[in-house]
Amino acid sequence: MVLQYKLKSETRWKKYPGKNKLKFSVSKYDFRLLNEAKTKILADKASYSKVMKRFRQIEFFKRR
């Protein structure tokens, strides 16, 4: 899975480098989750906590 982010004012999505490498706080960004091939959106544009919640759900059911 690929986690992408962008500033709320921007239009281009970038690959997420990690929380500590962001310039601003997480609340100023939008996040989304894609499959590895970047063909399907697994979690559409939302806050960091909502996207990570969906990420953990997918990982949980993948491991079952």
Protein backbone atom coordinates (compact mmCIF):
# COMPACT_ATOMS: atom_id res chain seq x y z
CA MET A 1 0.00 0.00 0.00
CA VAL A 2 1.10 3.53 -0.73
CA LEU A 3 0.33 6.45 1.55
CA GLN A 4 0.23 9.82 -0.18
CA TYR A 5 -0.16 13.34 1.18
CA LYS A 6 -0.60 16.93 0.01
CA LEU A 7 -1.15 20.33 1.58
CA LYS A 8 -4.83 21.20 1.58
CA SER A 9 -4.14 24.12 -0.78
CA GLU A 10 -2.10 22.05 -3.30
CA THR A 11 -3.34 19.75 -6.05
CA ARG A 12 -0.44 17.32 -6.50
CA TRP A 13 -0.12 14.19 -4.33
CA LYS A 14 3.32 13.14 -3.03
CA LYS A 15 4.63 9.97 -1.43
CA TYR A 16 4.48 10.20 2.36
CA PRO A 17 8.02 10.50 3.83
CA GLY A 18 7.09 10.08 7.50
CA LYS A 19 5.57 12.23 10.22
CA ASN A 20 8.84 13.72 11.42
CA LYS A 21 9.85 14.94 7.92
CA LEU A 22 6.73 17.06 7.32
CA LYS A 23 7.17 20.84 7.43
CA PHE A 24 3.81 21.53 9.11
CA SER A 25 1.55 19.64 11.50
CA VAL A 26 -0.41 16.65 10.18
CA SER A 27 -3.69 18.58 10.41
CA LYS A 28 -2.64 20.88 7.53
CA TYR A 29 -2.40 17.96 5.08
CA ASP A 30 -4.79 15.62 3.28
CA PHE A 31 -3.92 11.94 3.04
CA ARG A 32 -5.02 9.01 0.90
CA LEU A 33 -4.19 5.34 0.63
CA LEU A 34 -3.60 3.52 -2.67
CA ASN A 35 -2.81 -0.07 -3.58
CA GLU A 36 0.78 -0.90 -4.53
CA ALA A 37 0.15 -0.47 -8.29
CA LYS A 38 -1.55 2.90 -7.61
CA THR A 39 -4.65 1.81 -9.57
CA LYS A 40 -7.20 1.73 -6.73
CA ILE A 41 -7.90 4.21 -3.97
CA LEU A 42 -8.28 2.25 -0.71
CA ALA A 43 -8.98 5.31 1.45
CA ASP A 44 -10.01 8.55 -0.22
CA LYS A 45 -8.87 12.04 0.81
CA ALA A 46 -9.22 12.34 4.60
CA SER A 47 -7.34 13.22 7.77
CA TYR A 48 -4.30 11.29 8.91
CA SER A 49 -6.15 9.45 11.68
CA LYS A 50 -8.96 8.26 9.38
CA VAL A 51 -6.56 7.02 6.71
CA MET A 52 -4.38 5.22 9.27
CA LYS A 53 -7.47 3.60 10.80
CA ARG A 54 -8.36 2.20 7.36
CA PHE A 55 -4.73 1.12 6.84
CA ARG A 56 -4.79 -0.87 10.10
CA GLN A 57 -8.13 -2.48 9.16
CA ILE A 58 -6.71 -3.65 5.83
CA GLU A 59 -3.53 -5.00 7.46
CA PHE A 60 -5.55 -6.83 10.13
CA PHE A 61 -7.74 -8.65 7.62
CA LYS A 62 -4.81 -9.35 5.30
CA ARG A 63 -3.02 -11.23 8.09
CA ARG A 64 -6.05 -13.31 9.18
